[in-house]
Structure formats: C-alpha cells, structure tokens
C-alpha atoms as a PDB file:
ATOM      1  CA  MET A   1       0.131  -0.019   0.168  1.00  0.00           C
ATOM      2  CA  PRO A   2       3.008   2.458   0.615  1.00  0.00           C
ATOM      3  CA  ARG A   3       4.166   1.794  -2.568  1.00  0.00           C
ATOM      4  CA  LEU A   4       1.027   2.703  -4.053  1.00  0.00           C
ATOM      5  CA  MET A   5       0.698   5.887  -2.257  1.00  0.00           C
ATOM      6  CA  LEU A   6       4.327   6.725  -3.565  1.00  0.00           C
ATOM      7  CA  LEU A   7       3.387   5.765  -7.401  1.00  0.00           C
ATOM      8  CA  ILE A   8       0.312   7.685  -7.039  1.00  0.00           C
ATOM      9  CA  THR A   9       1.855  10.814  -5.655  1.00  0.00           C
ATOM     10  CA  CYS A  10       4.500  10.763  -7.710  1.00  0.00           C
ATOM     11  CA  LEU A  11       1.838  10.804 -10.694  1.00  0.00           C
ATOM     12  CA  LEU A  12       0.403  13.889  -9.180  1.00  0.00           C
ATOM     13  CA  ALA A  13       3.177  15.672  -8.670  1.00  0.00           C
ATOM     14  CA  GLY A  14       4.203  15.109 -12.748  1.00  0.00           C
ATOM     15  CA  VAL A  15       0.724  16.430 -13.531  1.00  0.00           C
ATOM     16  CA  GLN A  16       1.232  19.239 -11.429  1.00  0.00           C
ATOM     17  CA  LEU A  17       4.603  20.139 -13.119  1.00  0.00           C
ATOM     18  CA  ALA A  18       3.201  19.390 -16.485  1.00  0.00           C
ATOM     19  CA  GLY A  19       0.234  21.872 -15.615  1.00  0.00           C
ATOM     20  CA  GLN A  20       2.725  24.608 -14.809  1.00  0.00           C
ATOM     21  CA  SER A  21       4.609  24.559 -17.790  1.00  0.00           C
ATOM     22  CA  LEU A  22       1.582  24.229 -20.280  1.00  0.00           C
ATOM     23  CA  ARG A  23      -0.739  26.199 -18.414  1.00  0.00           C
ATOM     24  CA  LEU A  24      -1.341  26.732 -14.774  1.00  0.00           C
ATOM     25  CA  SER A  25      -4.209  24.666 -13.682  1.00  0.00           C
ATOM     26  CA  PRO A  26      -6.153  24.725 -10.394  1.00  0.00           C
ATOM     27  CA  THR A  27      -5.753  22.116  -7.467  1.00  0.00           C
ATOM     28  CA  ASP A  28      -8.915  21.369  -5.375  1.00  0.00           C
ATOM     29  CA  ILE A  29      -8.716  20.229  -1.681  1.00  0.00           C
ATOM     30  CA  SER A  30     -12.157  19.324  -0.249  1.00  0.00           C
ATOM     31  CA  LEU A  31     -14.115  17.169   2.469  1.00  0.00           C
ATOM     32  CA  GLU A  32     -16.113  14.378   0.457  1.00  0.00           C
ATOM     33  CA  PHE A  33     -18.622  12.476   1.672  1.00  0.00           C
ATOM     34  CA  GLN A  34     -20.521   9.057   0.234  1.00  0.00           C
ATOM     35  CA  VAL A  35     -23.563   7.311   1.625  1.00  0.00           C
ATOM     36  CA  TYR A  36     -24.683   3.846   0.332  1.00  0.00           C
ATOM     37  CA  PRO A  37     -27.391   1.624   1.066  1.00  0.00           C
ATOM     38  CA  THR A  38     -25.179  -0.197   4.127  1.00  0.00           C
ATOM     39  CA  GLY A  39     -22.763   2.413   4.914  1.00  0.00           C
ATOM     40  CA  PHE A  40     -20.905   5.940   4.818  1.00  0.00           C
ATOM     41  CA  LEU A  41     -17.694   7.071   3.421  1.00  0.00           C
ATOM     42  CA  PRO A  42     -16.367  10.234   5.052  1.00  0.00           C
ATOM     43  CA  GLY A  43     -12.663  11.574   3.247  1.00  0.00           C
ATOM     44  CA  ILE A  44     -10.225  14.240   2.221  1.00  0.00           C
ATOM     45  CA  ARG A  45      -9.835  14.753  -1.148  1.00  0.00           C
ATOM     46  CA  ILE A  46      -7.169  16.644  -3.521  1.00  0.00           C
ATOM     47  CA  ASP A  47      -8.025  17.077  -7.234  1.00  0.00           C
ATOM     48  CA  GLN A  48      -5.258  18.405  -9.909  1.00  0.00           C
ATOM     49  CA  ASN A  49      -6.904  19.930 -12.514  1.00  0.00           C
ATOM     50  CA  PHE A  50      -4.919  19.523 -15.963  1.00  0.00           C
ATOM     51  CA  GLY A  51      -5.749  20.789 -19.597  1.00  0.00           C
ATOM     52  CA  LYS A  52      -9.006  22.132 -20.112  1.00  0.00           C
ATOM     53  CA  HIS A  53     -11.293  19.293 -19.030  1.00  0.00           C
ATOM     54  CA  HIS A  54      -9.400  16.539 -17.090  1.00  0.00           C
ATOM     55  CA  ALA A  55      -8.629  15.926 -13.295  1.00  0.00           C
ATOM     56  CA  LEU A  56      -6.764  13.149 -11.260  1.00  0.00           C
ATOM     57  CA  HIS A  57      -7.972  12.780  -7.768  1.00  0.00           C
ATOM     58  CA  LEU A  58      -6.831  11.025  -4.474  1.00  0.00           C
ATOM     59  CA  ARG A  59      -8.733  10.481  -1.424  1.00  0.00           C
ATOM     60  CA  GLY A  60      -8.074   9.243   1.935  1.00  0.00           C
ATOM     61  CA  GLY A  61     -10.832   8.067   3.892  1.00  0.00           C
ATOM     62  CA  LEU A  62     -12.996   6.163   6.555  1.00  0.00           C
ATOM     63  CA  ASN A  63     -15.212   3.477   5.540  1.00  0.00           C
ATOM     64  CA  LEU A  64     -17.860   3.159   8.077  1.00  0.00           C
ATOM     65  CA  ILE A  65     -20.253  -0.388   7.365  1.00  0.00           C
ATOM     66  CA  ASN A  66     -23.688  -1.885   8.541  1.00  0.00           C
ATOM     67  CA  HIS A  67     -24.616  -4.425   6.325  1.00  0.00           C
ATOM     68  CA  ARG A  68     -27.346  -5.622   8.542  1.00  0.00           C
ATOM     69  CA  ASP A  69     -28.865  -8.739   7.208  1.00  0.00           C
ATOM     70  CA  LEU A  70     -28.113  -7.834   3.794  1.00  0.00           C
ATOM     71  CA  GLY A  71     -24.525  -9.321   3.850  1.00  0.00           C
ATOM     72  CA  VAL A  72     -23.480 -13.210   3.765  1.00  0.00           C
ATOM     73  CA  GLN A  73     -23.786 -13.511   7.642  1.00  0.00           C
ATOM     74  CA  ASP A  74     -27.166 -12.347   9.399  1.00  0.00           C
ATOM     75  CA  ASP A  75     -25.864  -9.234  10.961  1.00  0.00           C
ATOM     76  CA  GLU A  76     -22.454  -7.510   9.665  1.00  0.00           C
ATOM     77  CA  ARG A  77     -21.164  -4.297  11.136  1.00  0.00           C
ATOM     78  CA  GLY A  78     -17.480  -2.614  11.149  1.00  0.00           C
ATOM     79  CA  SER A  79     -15.417  -0.083   9.488  1.00  0.00           C
ATOM     80  CA  GLY A  80     -11.784   0.283   7.885  1.00  0.00           C
ATOM     81  CA  TYR A  81      -9.389   2.678   5.784  1.00  0.00           C
ATOM     82  CA  GLY A  82      -8.788   3.202   2.576  1.00  0.00           C
ATOM     83  CA  GLY A  83      -8.071   5.340  -0.333  1.00  0.00           C
ATOM     84  CA  THR A  84      -9.248   6.475  -3.640  1.00  0.00           C
ATOM     85  CA  PHE A  85      -7.396   7.176  -7.133  1.00  0.00           C
ATOM     86  CA  GLY A  86      -9.676   8.690  -9.938  1.00  0.00           C
ATOM     87  CA  TYR A  87      -9.970  10.815 -13.135  1.00  0.00           C
ATOM     88  CA  ARG A  88     -12.577  13.334 -14.088  1.00  0.00           C
ATOM     89  CA  TYR A  89     -13.776  14.626 -17.376  1.00  0.00           C
ATOM     90  CA  TYR A  90     -15.185  17.898 -17.368  1.00  0.00           C
ATOM     91  CA  PHE A  91     -17.658  18.567 -20.302  1.00  0.00           C
ATOM     92  CA  PRO A  92     -17.513  22.283 -20.619  1.00  0.00           C
ATOM     93  CA  SER A  93     -13.889  23.585 -20.092  1.00  0.00           C
ATOM     94  CA  ASP A  94     -12.301  25.062 -17.010  1.00  0.00           C
ATOM     95  CA  PHE A  95     -13.269  22.107 -14.716  1.00  0.00           C
ATOM     96  CA  GLN A  96     -16.699  23.068 -13.613  1.00  0.00           C
ATOM     97  CA  GLY A  97     -20.522  22.092 -14.578  1.00  0.00           C
ATOM     98  CA  TRP A  98     -21.107  18.366 -15.678  1.00  0.00           C
ATOM     99  CA  PHE A  99     -18.324  15.582 -15.525  1.00  0.00           C
ATOM    100  CA  LEU A 100     -18.131  11.905 -15.685  1.00  0.00           C
ATOM    101  CA  GLY A 101     -15.195   9.796 -14.155  1.00  0.00           C
ATOM    102  CA  LEU A 102     -14.001   6.485 -13.329  1.00  0.00           C
ATOM    103  CA  ARG A 103     -12.721   6.052  -9.642  1.00  0.00           C
ATOM    104  CA  ALA A 104     -10.813   3.138  -7.865  1.00  0.00           C
ATOM    105  CA  ASP A 105     -11.228   2.292  -4.045  1.00  0.00           C
ATOM    106  CA  VAL A 106      -9.180   0.197  -1.993  1.00  0.00           C
ATOM    107  CA  TRP A 107     -10.372  -0.346   1.440  1.00  0.00           C
ATOM    108  CA  ARG A 108      -8.961  -2.296   4.620  1.00  0.00           C
ATOM    109  CA  ASN A 109     -12.086  -3.310   6.358  1.00  0.00           C
ATOM    110  CA  THR A 110     -12.757  -5.166   9.804  1.00  0.00           C
ATOM    111  CA  ILE A 111     -16.265  -6.808   9.833  1.00  0.00           C
ATOM    112  CA  GLU A 112     -17.940  -8.235  13.230  1.00  0.00           C
ATOM    113  CA  TRP A 113     -20.710 -10.400  12.240  1.00  0.00           C
ATOM    114  CA  LYS A 114     -23.203 -12.834  13.713  1.00  0.00           C
ATOM    115  CA  ASN A 115     -25.378 -15.308  12.696  1.00  0.00           C
ATOM    116  CA  PHE A 116     -28.693 -16.009  14.642  1.00  0.00           C
ATOM    117  CA  SER A 117     -30.598 -18.890  12.547  1.00  0.00           C
ATOM    118  CA  ASP A 118     -29.029 -21.889  11.031  1.00  0.00           C
ATOM    119  CA  LEU A 119     -25.578 -21.351  11.760  1.00  0.00           C
ATOM    120  CA  PRO A 120     -25.443 -19.628  14.902  1.00  0.00           C
ATOM    121  CA  GLY A 121     -22.063 -18.004  15.873  1.00  0.00           C
ATOM    122  CA  ALA A 122     -19.964 -15.093  15.672  1.00  0.00           C
ATOM    123  CA  GLY A 123     -16.607 -13.813  14.536  1.00  0.00           C
ATOM    124  CA  THR A 124     -14.310 -11.249  13.088  1.00  0.00           C
ATOM    125  CA  THR A 125     -13.303 -10.803   9.374  1.00  0.00           C
ATOM    126  CA  ARG A 126     -10.380  -8.433   7.869  1.00  0.00           C
ATOM    127  CA  LEU A 127     -10.447  -8.046   4.615  1.00  0.00           C
ATOM    128  CA  TRP A 128      -9.030  -5.957   1.477  1.00  0.00           C
ATOM    129  CA  VAL A 129     -11.805  -4.598  -0.626  1.00  0.00           C
ATOM    130  CA  LEU A 130     -11.441  -3.282  -4.322  1.00  0.00           C
ATOM    131  CA  GLN A 131     -14.309  -1.110  -5.384  1.00  0.00           C
ATOM    132  CA  PRO A 132     -14.259   0.271  -9.297  1.00  0.00           C
ATOM    133  CA  THR A 133     -17.007   3.244  -9.761  1.00  0.00           C
ATOM    134  CA  LEU A 134     -18.256   5.011 -12.951  1.00  0.00           C
ATOM    135  CA  GLU A 135     -19.439   8.249 -11.223  1.00  0.00           C
ATOM    136  CA  GLY A 136     -21.365  11.547 -12.495  1.00  0.00           C
ATOM    137  CA  GLY A 137     -22.270  14.975 -11.100  1.00  0.00           C
ATOM    138  CA  TYR A 138     -21.718  18.944 -11.668  1.00  0.00           C
ATOM    139  CA  LEU A 139     -19.418  21.125  -9.498  1.00  0.00           C
ATOM    140  CA  PHE A 140     -20.640  24.283  -8.784  1.00  0.00           C
ATOM    141  CA  LEU A 141     -18.210  27.148  -8.290  1.00  0.00           C
ATOM    142  CA  LEU A 142     -19.287  29.578  -5.604  1.00  0.00           C
ATOM    143  CA  ALA A 143     -17.814  32.954  -4.230  1.00  0.00           C
ATOM    144  CA  ASN A 144     -15.344  34.407  -6.833  1.00  0.00           C
ATOM    145  CA  GLN A 145     -14.759  31.075  -8.274  1.00  0.00           C
ATOM    146  CA  THR A 146     -12.719  29.972  -5.156  1.00  0.00           C
ATOM    147  CA  TRP A 147     -15.276  27.900  -3.128  1.00  0.00           C
ATOM    148  CA  PHE A 148     -17.161  24.624  -4.782  1.00  0.00           C
ATOM    149  CA  ILE A 149     -19.741  22.288  -3.926  1.00  0.00           C
ATOM    150  CA  SER A 150     -20.011  18.914  -6.056  1.00  0.00           C
ATOM    151  CA  PRO A 151     -23.020  16.799  -5.673  1.00  0.00           C
ATOM    152  CA  SER A 152     -22.439  13.178  -7.481  1.00  0.00           C
ATOM    153  CA  LEU A 153     -23.691   9.570  -7.922  1.00  0.00           C
ATOM    154  CA  GLY A 154     -21.932   6.595  -8.404  1.00  0.00           C
ATOM    155  CA  PHE A 155     -22.321   3.288  -9.694  1.00  0.00           C
ATOM    156  CA  GLY A 156     -19.865   0.444  -9.010  1.00  0.00           C
ATOM    157  CA  VAL A 157     -19.006  -3.205  -7.693  1.00  0.00           C
ATOM    158  CA  GLU A 158     -17.674  -4.084  -4.089  1.00  0.00           C
ATOM    159  CA  VAL A 159     -15.247  -6.783  -4.578  1.00  0.00           C
ATOM    160  CA  ASN A 160     -13.610  -8.771  -1.563  1.00  0.00           C
ATOM    161  CA  VAL A 161     -10.369  -9.398  -2.625  1.00  0.00           C
ATOM    162  CA  VAL A 162      -8.488 -10.793   0.316  1.00  0.00           C
ATOM    163  CA  THR A 163     -10.770 -12.283   3.029  1.00  0.00           C
ATOM    164  CA  GLU A 164      -9.103 -13.340   6.154  1.00  0.00           C
ATOM    165  CA  GLY A 165     -12.114 -14.906   8.158  1.00  0.00           C
ATOM    166  CA  ALA A 166     -15.692 -15.906   7.057  1.00  0.00           C
ATOM    167  CA  GLU A 167     -17.041 -14.429   3.734  1.00  0.00           C
ATOM    168  CA  THR A 168     -18.964 -11.086   4.121  1.00  0.00           C
ATOM    169  CA  GLY A 169     -21.170  -9.377   1.890  1.00  0.00           C
ATOM    170  CA  GLN A 170     -19.905  -7.662  -1.454  1.00  0.00           C
ATOM    171  CA  GLY A 171     -21.590  -6.969  -4.924  1.00  0.00           C
ATOM    172  CA  LEU A 172     -22.796  -3.905  -6.707  1.00  0.00           C
ATOM    173  CA  ILE A 173     -22.944  -0.652  -4.994  1.00  0.00           C
ATOM    174  CA  LEU A 174     -24.686   2.765  -5.520  1.00  0.00           C
ATOM    175  CA  LEU A 175     -22.972   5.969  -3.850  1.00  0.00           C
ATOM    176  CA  LEU A 176     -24.619   9.605  -3.476  1.00  0.00           C
ATOM    177  CA  GLY A 177     -21.931  11.752  -2.829  1.00  0.00           C
ATOM    178  CA  CYS A 178     -20.972  15.446  -2.323  1.00  0.00           C
ATOM    179  CA  SER A 179     -17.897  17.021  -1.757  1.00  0.00           C
ATOM    180  CA  SER A 180     -17.143  20.854  -0.907  1.00  0.00           C
ATOM    181  CA  GLY A 181     -13.916  22.428  -0.565  1.00  0.00           C
ATOM    182  CA  ILE A 182     -11.279  25.085  -1.938  1.00  0.00           C
ATOM    183  CA  ARG A 183      -9.689  25.656  -5.167  1.00  0.00           C
ATOM    184  CA  PHE A 184      -6.401  27.521  -5.707  1.00  0.00           C
END
C-alpha cells in the first residue's frame, strides 16, 4: 500500500509540473462524503486539474459499514480505512459543470458478524476490498470561483479481494456523494 501511495503521489506531482509548464491549472482540496445503502464514506480529497477538461484525484478516508442482514451473515458491522485514485472529465472547459469519472477505491475493513439462525455463531473478518466505480455529477463554483460544492452519483462493484475469516457481503453498489472545498 505505501508503494501504491508513493506511485500515485509521483503521478500527481508530474501532472502538477506539466500543468505549470503548459498552463496553470487549479488544484482542489475538499471534504468528501458518500453514502450507500449499507454504509458511509467520509474523506479528504485532492484534485489536480490539467488541460482544459481533465482531473486526477486522490482521497483518503474511512468506511463505516452496517450491512445488517444484507450480507452473507445475519448481521455484519464494521469499519475500515482506505483510499481512492480517480479521473474526471469535465464537459465544459475550466473544471466546472457536468463531469463523468472513473475511480478505484481500496479499503482495509474489519467486519464483526453474527448469525442467529441456521449456523449460530459470531466472528471477525478482516478483508481488502477493491471498489471500481463510474461516477457522474456537477461542480458548482461559488464565491469568486474559489469555493465549490460538487454533488455526485456513483455506480460500482464492491469486491472482497482478500478475506481473512468468514465471507461477508460484496456486490453492486450505488453511492450518493457530495464534496465541498477550496480551489487554488
């Protein structure tokens, strides 16, 4: 994971340097919140815009999980930490308005689970989750084009890549999100 974060940091630094030599492109820093039917994802996000339509972003955050009885076990609750690497394309130029994007989240989650019916028992599962997502939304610039708010809707799949313990819920995921921050 540290090597991946170093690679992503180098990529963003390269984009920043290229953007400065071609055209000064803004950087966005924001708080991002996403909700999905069985959880909540708060995080801190940085976007490096480049060209006239493109942006790369990184996010570090938490995953607060309550699968209830929608997972494999009768009750699944837990939390984790992770990060995101993503790309956005803004349809109008200047990094505002409608956008489409792709992102990949990696989460290290711990799930406490219980069974009440056929197989009574309880346990803890630690897992690595990969979550590729397609997102769309709109970025509104506010207050002299310094502050922004950006609602989004994402559709992806949550895949348990490495599971230490009993199987837990995974599958398709719908995410409603909003980020708000400053552009400089």
